[in-house]
Amino acid sequence: MHTSGNLSAIEPDDLLVISPEAQKLTIIRLPDPITNCYFDDSEEYLHVTAFTYGARFKLKQQQVWKNFR
């Protein structure tokens, strides 16, 4: 969970971002099943692992993630 209150959840091939009000804010589709996701300590990056790779997504800025709509 991000400090903004948004929750990152995984489905087999998708990373979901869900607001504190339980609204689906976005879906990020990836080519392989996702096994885990987490933020680094500064919440600057979102790390995603899958069976065949690991990926790191840089968040543009904290405000973007807080107001992801």
N, C-alpha and C. Protein backbone atom coordinates (compact mmCIF):
# COMPACT_ATOMS: atom_id res chain seq x y z
N MET A 1 0.84 -1.17 0.00
CA MET A 1 0.00 0.00 0.00
C MET A 1 0.90 1.25 0.00
N HIS A 2 0.55 2.18 -0.84
CA HIS A 2 1.25 3.45 -0.92
C HIS A 2 0.78 4.35 0.23
N THR A 3 1.59 5.29 0.66
CA THR A 3 1.17 6.18 1.76
C THR A 3 -0.01 7.06 1.37
N SER A 4 -0.31 7.16 0.08
CA SER A 4 -1.49 7.90 -0.37
C SER A 4 -2.78 7.16 -0.02
N GLY A 5 -2.65 5.88 0.33
CA GLY A 5 -3.82 5.06 0.61
C GLY A 5 -4.20 4.17 -0.56
N ASN A 6 -3.62 4.41 -1.74
CA ASN A 6 -3.90 3.56 -2.89
C ASN A 6 -3.25 2.19 -2.68
N LEU A 7 -3.96 1.17 -3.09
CA LEU A 7 -3.51 -0.20 -2.93
C LEU A 7 -3.09 -0.75 -4.28
N SER A 8 -1.96 -1.42 -4.32
CA SER A 8 -1.52 -2.13 -5.52
C SER A 8 -1.87 -3.59 -5.31
N ALA A 9 -2.56 -4.16 -6.25
CA ALA A 9 -2.95 -5.57 -6.17
C ALA A 9 -2.61 -6.24 -7.50
N ILE A 10 -2.40 -7.53 -7.45
CA ILE A 10 -2.05 -8.24 -8.68
C ILE A 10 -3.11 -9.27 -9.03
N GLU A 11 -3.34 -9.37 -10.32
CA GLU A 11 -4.08 -10.46 -10.94
C GLU A 11 -3.04 -11.18 -11.78
N PRO A 12 -3.35 -12.30 -12.38
CA PRO A 12 -2.30 -13.04 -13.09
C PRO A 12 -1.42 -12.21 -14.02
N ASP A 13 -2.00 -11.41 -14.91
CA ASP A 13 -1.18 -10.62 -15.85
C ASP A 13 -1.35 -9.13 -15.67
N ASP A 14 -2.01 -8.70 -14.61
CA ASP A 14 -2.32 -7.29 -14.43
C ASP A 14 -1.90 -6.79 -13.06
N LEU A 15 -1.49 -5.54 -13.02
CA LEU A 15 -1.25 -4.84 -11.77
C LEU A 15 -2.37 -3.82 -11.63
N LEU A 16 -3.12 -3.89 -10.55
CA LEU A 16 -4.25 -3.00 -10.33
C LEU A 16 -3.87 -1.94 -9.31
N VAL A 17 -4.37 -0.73 -9.50
CA VAL A 17 -4.24 0.33 -8.51
C VAL A 17 -5.66 0.66 -8.06
N ILE A 18 -5.91 0.51 -6.76
CA ILE A 18 -7.25 0.68 -6.20
C ILE A 18 -7.21 1.79 -5.16
N SER A 19 -8.17 2.71 -5.23
CA SER A 19 -8.21 3.85 -4.32
C SER A 19 -8.71 3.42 -2.94
N PRO A 20 -8.53 4.27 -1.92
CA PRO A 20 -9.07 3.96 -0.60
C PRO A 20 -10.60 3.80 -0.61
N GLU A 21 -11.25 4.37 -1.62
CA GLU A 21 -12.71 4.25 -1.75
C GLU A 21 -13.10 3.02 -2.55
N ALA A 22 -12.14 2.13 -2.82
CA ALA A 22 -12.35 0.87 -3.55
C ALA A 22 -12.67 1.08 -5.03
N GLN A 23 -12.21 2.18 -5.62
CA GLN A 23 -12.38 2.41 -7.05
C GLN A 23 -11.12 1.94 -7.77
N LYS A 24 -11.29 1.24 -8.87
CA LYS A 24 -10.16 0.80 -9.68
C LYS A 24 -9.65 2.02 -10.45
N LEU A 25 -8.42 2.45 -10.15
CA LEU A 25 -7.86 3.64 -10.77
C LEU A 25 -7.16 3.34 -12.09
N THR A 26 -6.48 2.21 -12.15
CA THR A 26 -5.78 1.84 -13.39
C THR A 26 -5.47 0.36 -13.38
N ILE A 27 -5.22 -0.15 -14.58
CA ILE A 27 -4.74 -1.52 -14.77
C ILE A 27 -3.49 -1.43 -15.63
N ILE A 28 -2.41 -2.03 -15.19
CA ILE A 28 -1.18 -2.10 -15.96
C ILE A 28 -1.04 -3.56 -16.41
N ARG A 29 -1.11 -3.78 -17.71
CA ARG A 29 -1.02 -5.14 -18.25
C ARG A 29 0.45 -5.48 -18.54
N LEU A 30 0.84 -6.67 -18.10
CA LEU A 30 2.20 -7.14 -18.32
C LEU A 30 2.14 -8.47 -19.07
N PRO A 31 3.22 -8.84 -19.77
CA PRO A 31 3.17 -10.02 -20.64
C PRO A 31 3.17 -11.37 -19.92
N ASP A 32 3.62 -11.41 -18.68
CA ASP A 32 3.72 -12.68 -17.96
C ASP A 32 3.02 -12.57 -16.61
N PRO A 33 2.67 -13.70 -16.00
CA PRO A 33 2.04 -13.66 -14.68
C PRO A 33 2.91 -12.95 -13.65
N ILE A 34 2.30 -12.08 -12.88
CA ILE A 34 2.99 -11.30 -11.84
C ILE A 34 2.98 -12.11 -10.55
N THR A 35 4.12 -12.13 -9.86
CA THR A 35 4.19 -12.87 -8.60
C THR A 35 4.21 -11.95 -7.38
N ASN A 36 4.66 -10.70 -7.54
CA ASN A 36 4.75 -9.79 -6.41
C ASN A 36 4.94 -8.36 -6.90
N CYS A 37 4.57 -7.40 -6.04
CA CYS A 37 4.87 -6.00 -6.33
C CYS A 37 5.07 -5.27 -5.01
N TYR A 38 5.94 -4.26 -5.03
CA TYR A 38 6.23 -3.50 -3.81
C TYR A 38 6.88 -2.18 -4.18
N PHE A 39 6.76 -1.21 -3.29
CA PHE A 39 7.42 0.09 -3.44
C PHE A 39 8.76 0.04 -2.72
N ASP A 40 9.72 0.84 -3.23
CA ASP A 40 10.97 1.00 -2.48
C ASP A 40 10.69 1.90 -1.28
N ASP A 41 11.67 2.05 -0.40
CA ASP A 41 11.47 2.80 0.84
C ASP A 41 11.03 4.25 0.61
N SER A 42 11.51 4.87 -0.45
CA SER A 42 11.16 6.27 -0.73
C SER A 42 9.88 6.40 -1.56
N GLU A 43 9.30 5.28 -1.96
CA GLU A 43 8.11 5.23 -2.82
C GLU A 43 8.34 5.95 -4.14
N GLU A 44 9.57 5.91 -4.61
CA GLU A 44 9.92 6.50 -5.89
C GLU A 44 9.75 5.48 -7.02
N TYR A 45 9.88 4.20 -6.70
CA TYR A 45 9.78 3.13 -7.69
C TYR A 45 8.78 2.08 -7.23
N LEU A 46 8.12 1.48 -8.21
CA LEU A 46 7.28 0.31 -7.98
C LEU A 46 8.01 -0.87 -8.61
N HIS A 47 8.31 -1.87 -7.82
CA HIS A 47 9.00 -3.06 -8.30
C HIS A 47 7.98 -4.17 -8.53
N VAL A 48 8.13 -4.89 -9.63
CA VAL A 48 7.24 -5.98 -9.98
C VAL A 48 8.09 -7.20 -10.32
N THR A 49 7.70 -8.35 -9.80
CA THR A 49 8.39 -9.58 -10.17
C THR A 49 7.39 -10.50 -10.86
N ALA A 50 7.92 -11.27 -11.80
CA ALA A 50 7.15 -12.26 -12.53
C ALA A 50 7.99 -13.54 -12.57
N PHE A 51 7.45 -14.59 -13.15
CA PHE A 51 8.19 -15.85 -13.21
C PHE A 51 9.44 -15.72 -14.06
N THR A 52 9.42 -14.86 -15.08
CA THR A 52 10.54 -14.80 -16.02
C THR A 52 11.34 -13.51 -15.97
N TYR A 53 10.92 -12.53 -15.16
CA TYR A 53 11.65 -11.26 -15.12
C TYR A 53 11.27 -10.46 -13.88
N GLY A 54 12.02 -9.40 -13.65
CA GLY A 54 11.70 -8.40 -12.64
C GLY A 54 11.67 -7.05 -13.34
N ALA A 55 10.82 -6.15 -12.90
CA ALA A 55 10.73 -4.84 -13.53
C ALA A 55 10.64 -3.77 -12.45
N ARG A 56 11.10 -2.58 -12.79
CA ARG A 56 11.03 -1.44 -11.88
C ARG A 56 10.43 -0.28 -12.65
N PHE A 57 9.34 0.29 -12.11
CA PHE A 57 8.67 1.41 -12.72
C PHE A 57 8.91 2.65 -11.88
N LYS A 58 9.45 3.69 -12.50
CA LYS A 58 9.68 4.95 -11.79
C LYS A 58 8.37 5.74 -11.80
N LEU A 59 7.93 6.14 -10.62
CA LEU A 59 6.75 6.98 -10.53
C LEU A 59 7.16 8.40 -10.90
N LYS A 60 6.35 9.09 -11.67
CA LYS A 60 6.72 10.42 -12.13
C LYS A 60 6.98 11.36 -10.97
N GLN A 61 6.09 11.35 -9.99
CA GLN A 61 6.25 12.12 -8.77
C GLN A 61 5.21 11.63 -7.78
N GLN A 62 5.43 11.89 -6.52
CA GLN A 62 4.51 11.40 -5.50
C GLN A 62 3.09 11.90 -5.73
N GLN A 63 2.91 13.15 -6.13
CA GLN A 63 1.58 13.70 -6.34
C GLN A 63 0.83 12.95 -7.43
N VAL A 64 1.52 12.52 -8.47
CA VAL A 64 0.87 11.78 -9.55
C VAL A 64 0.25 10.51 -8.99
N TRP A 65 0.98 9.79 -8.15
CA TRP A 65 0.45 8.55 -7.60
C TRP A 65 -0.69 8.84 -6.64
N LYS A 66 -0.59 9.90 -5.87
CA LYS A 66 -1.64 10.23 -4.90
C LYS A 66 -2.94 10.62 -5.61
N ASN A 67 -2.82 11.23 -6.77
CA ASN A 67 -4.00 11.68 -7.53
C ASN A 67 -4.04 10.97 -8.87
N PHE A 68 -3.94 9.66 -8.86
CA PHE A 68 -3.72 8.87 -10.07
C PHE A 68 -4.89 8.88 -11.03
N ARG A 69 -6.01 9.43 -10.68
CA ARG A 69 -7.19 9.40 -11.52
C ARG A 69 -6.93 10.20 -12.75
